[in-house]
Amino acid sequence: MGGLVAADVVKSNSSVTCSGSQASVSGNAELVGLVAAGQSVVVSNPNLAISLPGGISLIVNEQTSSSGGNTGSMTVNALHVKGPSIDIVVASAHSGITCS
């Protein structure tokens, strides 16, 4: 990414569990030393969107999930860079479950 985004550690986790027949989902990203466009980034909440030069967007700790009744799924992308002619995901984790 041309030095626009850098980090020392990039990791994602996702999990889904059953409690009886009810599915539940969780996930998180671990980022250490994240720097975007020369600025340090502290990640606290999911889906932090950062605009970068050149029409590039960075989504940090991107989380998408669905759960309802006995099924659930969770995807966590630690970093997702999108822009003209680029779509890069770094450290993606996905889980899915159907409880009986």
C-alpha atoms as a PDB file:
ATOM      1  CA  MET A   1       0.000   0.000   0.000  1.00  0.00           C
ATOM      2  CA  GLY A   2       2.954   2.235  -0.661  1.00  0.00           C
ATOM      3  CA  GLY A   3       3.587   3.045   2.999  1.00  0.00           C
ATOM      4  CA  LEU A   4       0.126   4.583   3.317  1.00  0.00           C
ATOM      5  CA  VAL A   5      -0.893   1.977   5.937  1.00  0.00           C
ATOM      6  CA  ALA A   6       1.461   0.102   8.276  1.00  0.00           C
ATOM      7  CA  ALA A   7       1.143  -1.960  11.466  1.00  0.00           C
ATOM      8  CA  ASP A   8       3.347  -4.109  13.679  1.00  0.00           C
ATOM      9  CA  VAL A   9       0.636  -6.713  14.452  1.00  0.00           C
ATOM     10  CA  VAL A  10      -2.576  -7.407  12.506  1.00  0.00           C
ATOM     11  CA  LYS A  11      -4.853 -10.205  13.729  1.00  0.00           C
ATOM     12  CA  SER A  12      -8.575 -10.999  13.649  1.00  0.00           C
ATOM     13  CA  ASN A  13     -10.750 -13.459  15.567  1.00  0.00           C
ATOM     14  CA  SER A  14     -14.334 -14.587  15.128  1.00  0.00           C
ATOM     15  CA  SER A  15     -16.413 -17.101  17.031  1.00  0.00           C
ATOM     16  CA  VAL A  16     -19.935 -18.422  17.103  1.00  0.00           C
ATOM     17  CA  THR A  17     -21.429 -20.549  19.843  1.00  0.00           C
ATOM     18  CA  CYS A  18     -24.648 -22.289  20.776  1.00  0.00           C
ATOM     19  CA  SER A  19     -26.497 -21.870  24.025  1.00  0.00           C
ATOM     20  CA  GLY A  20     -29.117 -24.546  23.694  1.00  0.00           C
ATOM     21  CA  SER A  21     -30.573 -23.871  20.262  1.00  0.00           C
ATOM     22  CA  GLN A  22     -29.692 -20.129  20.278  1.00  0.00           C
ATOM     23  CA  ALA A  23     -26.678 -18.972  18.239  1.00  0.00           C
ATOM     24  CA  SER A  24     -24.498 -16.059  19.354  1.00  0.00           C
ATOM     25  CA  VAL A  25     -21.579 -14.376  17.571  1.00  0.00           C
ATOM     26  CA  SER A  26     -18.527 -12.372  18.597  1.00  0.00           C
ATOM     27  CA  GLY A  27     -15.301 -11.131  17.089  1.00  0.00           C
ATOM     28  CA  ASN A  28     -12.524  -8.592  17.300  1.00  0.00           C
ATOM     29  CA  ALA A  29      -9.365  -7.356  15.626  1.00  0.00           C
ATOM     30  CA  GLU A  30      -6.006  -6.838  17.291  1.00  0.00           C
ATOM     31  CA  LEU A  31      -3.851  -4.115  15.773  1.00  0.00           C
ATOM     32  CA  VAL A  32      -0.582  -2.886  17.250  1.00  0.00           C
ATOM     33  CA  GLY A  33       1.285   0.126  15.937  1.00  0.00           C
ATOM     34  CA  LEU A  34      -1.290   0.988  13.268  1.00  0.00           C
ATOM     35  CA  VAL A  35      -0.350   4.077  11.228  1.00  0.00           C
ATOM     36  CA  ALA A  36      -2.477   5.439   8.370  1.00  0.00           C
ATOM     37  CA  ALA A  37      -1.220   8.342   6.235  1.00  0.00           C
ATOM     38  CA  GLY A  38       1.400   9.133   8.882  1.00  0.00           C
ATOM     39  CA  GLN A  39      -1.078   9.282  11.775  1.00  0.00           C
ATOM     40  CA  SER A  40      -1.253   6.758  14.630  1.00  0.00           C
ATOM     41  CA  VAL A  41      -4.627   5.030  14.833  1.00  0.00           C
ATOM     42  CA  VAL A  42      -6.066   3.678  18.078  1.00  0.00           C
ATOM     43  CA  VAL A  43      -8.787   1.105  17.482  1.00  0.00           C
ATOM     44  CA  SER A  44     -11.609   0.875  19.988  1.00  0.00           C
ATOM     45  CA  ASN A  45     -14.898   0.385  18.139  1.00  0.00           C
ATOM     46  CA  PRO A  46     -15.706  -1.872  15.183  1.00  0.00           C
ATOM     47  CA  ASN A  47     -15.977  -0.496  11.639  1.00  0.00           C
ATOM     48  CA  LEU A  48     -13.743   2.560  12.059  1.00  0.00           C
ATOM     49  CA  ALA A  49     -13.680   4.303   8.658  1.00  0.00           C
ATOM     50  CA  ILE A  50     -10.699   6.464   7.696  1.00  0.00           C
ATOM     51  CA  SER A  51     -10.396   8.469   4.458  1.00  0.00           C
ATOM     52  CA  LEU A  52      -6.923   8.399   2.917  1.00  0.00           C
ATOM     53  CA  PRO A  53      -5.386  10.374   0.047  1.00  0.00           C
ATOM     54  CA  GLY A  54      -6.213   9.322  -3.503  1.00  0.00           C
ATOM     55  CA  GLY A  55      -9.829   8.358  -2.834  1.00  0.00           C
ATOM     56  CA  ILE A  56      -8.788   5.397  -0.698  1.00  0.00           C
ATOM     57  CA  SER A  57     -10.805   4.336   2.343  1.00  0.00           C
ATOM     58  CA  LEU A  58      -9.588   2.193   5.221  1.00  0.00           C
ATOM     59  CA  ILE A  59     -11.999   0.265   7.422  1.00  0.00           C
ATOM     60  CA  VAL A  60     -10.391  -0.921  10.648  1.00  0.00           C
ATOM     61  CA  ASN A  61     -11.843  -3.832  12.653  1.00  0.00           C
ATOM     62  CA  GLU A  62     -14.538  -4.361  10.005  1.00  0.00           C
ATOM     63  CA  GLN A  63     -17.234  -6.631  11.425  1.00  0.00           C
ATOM     64  CA  THR A  64     -20.241  -8.142   9.696  1.00  0.00           C
ATOM     65  CA  SER A  65     -22.478 -10.626  11.433  1.00  0.00           C
ATOM     66  CA  SER A  66     -25.857 -12.240  11.308  1.00  0.00           C
ATOM     67  CA  SER A  67     -27.624 -14.276  13.916  1.00  0.00           C
ATOM     68  CA  GLY A  68     -31.181 -15.321  14.327  1.00  0.00           C
ATOM     69  CA  GLY A  69     -32.632 -18.289  16.069  1.00  0.00           C
ATOM     70  CA  ASN A  70     -30.401 -21.306  15.600  1.00  0.00           C
ATOM     71  CA  THR A  71     -27.961 -19.913  12.990  1.00  0.00           C
ATOM     72  CA  GLY A  72     -25.171 -17.378  13.179  1.00  0.00           C
ATOM     73  CA  SER A  73     -22.123 -16.160  11.278  1.00  0.00           C
ATOM     74  CA  MET A  74     -19.393 -13.624  11.929  1.00  0.00           C
ATOM     75  CA  THR A  75     -16.671 -12.139   9.715  1.00  0.00           C
ATOM     76  CA  VAL A  76     -13.921  -9.858  11.019  1.00  0.00           C
ATOM     77  CA  ASN A  77     -11.467  -8.121   8.683  1.00  0.00           C
ATOM     78  CA  ALA A  78      -8.703  -6.422  10.666  1.00  0.00           C
ATOM     79  CA  LEU A  79      -7.975  -4.036   7.775  1.00  0.00           C
ATOM     80  CA  HIS A  80      -9.988  -3.444   4.602  1.00  0.00           C
ATOM     81  CA  VAL A  81      -8.556  -0.999   2.069  1.00  0.00           C
ATOM     82  CA  LYS A  82     -10.792   0.113  -0.812  1.00  0.00           C
ATOM     83  CA  GLY A  83     -10.299   2.617  -3.589  1.00  0.00           C
ATOM     84  CA  PRO A  84      -9.943   3.036  -7.330  1.00  0.00           C
ATOM     85  CA  SER A  85      -8.826  -0.350  -8.674  1.00  0.00           C
ATOM     86  CA  ILE A  86      -7.989  -1.701  -5.179  1.00  0.00           C
ATOM     87  CA  ASP A  87      -9.771  -3.903  -2.668  1.00  0.00           C
ATOM     88  CA  ILE A  88      -7.418  -5.443  -0.101  1.00  0.00           C
ATOM     89  CA  VAL A  89      -8.348  -7.358   3.061  1.00  0.00           C
ATOM     90  CA  VAL A  90      -5.682  -8.100   5.665  1.00  0.00           C
ATOM     91  CA  ALA A  91      -6.287 -10.715   8.393  1.00  0.00           C
ATOM     92  CA  SER A  92      -9.811 -12.030   7.842  1.00  0.00           C
ATOM     93  CA  ALA A  93     -11.578 -14.521  10.133  1.00  0.00           C
ATOM     94  CA  HIS A  94     -14.981 -16.131   9.507  1.00  0.00           C
ATOM     95  CA  SER A  95     -17.127 -18.445  11.627  1.00  0.00           C
ATOM     96  CA  GLY A  96     -20.560 -19.953  11.110  1.00  0.00           C
ATOM     97  CA  ILE A  97     -22.813 -22.298  13.086  1.00  0.00           C
ATOM     98  CA  THR A  98     -26.201 -23.973  13.081  1.00  0.00           C
ATOM     99  CA  CYS A  99     -27.410 -25.064  16.527  1.00  0.00           C
ATOM    100  CA  SER A 100     -29.693 -28.056  16.910  1.00  0.00           C
END
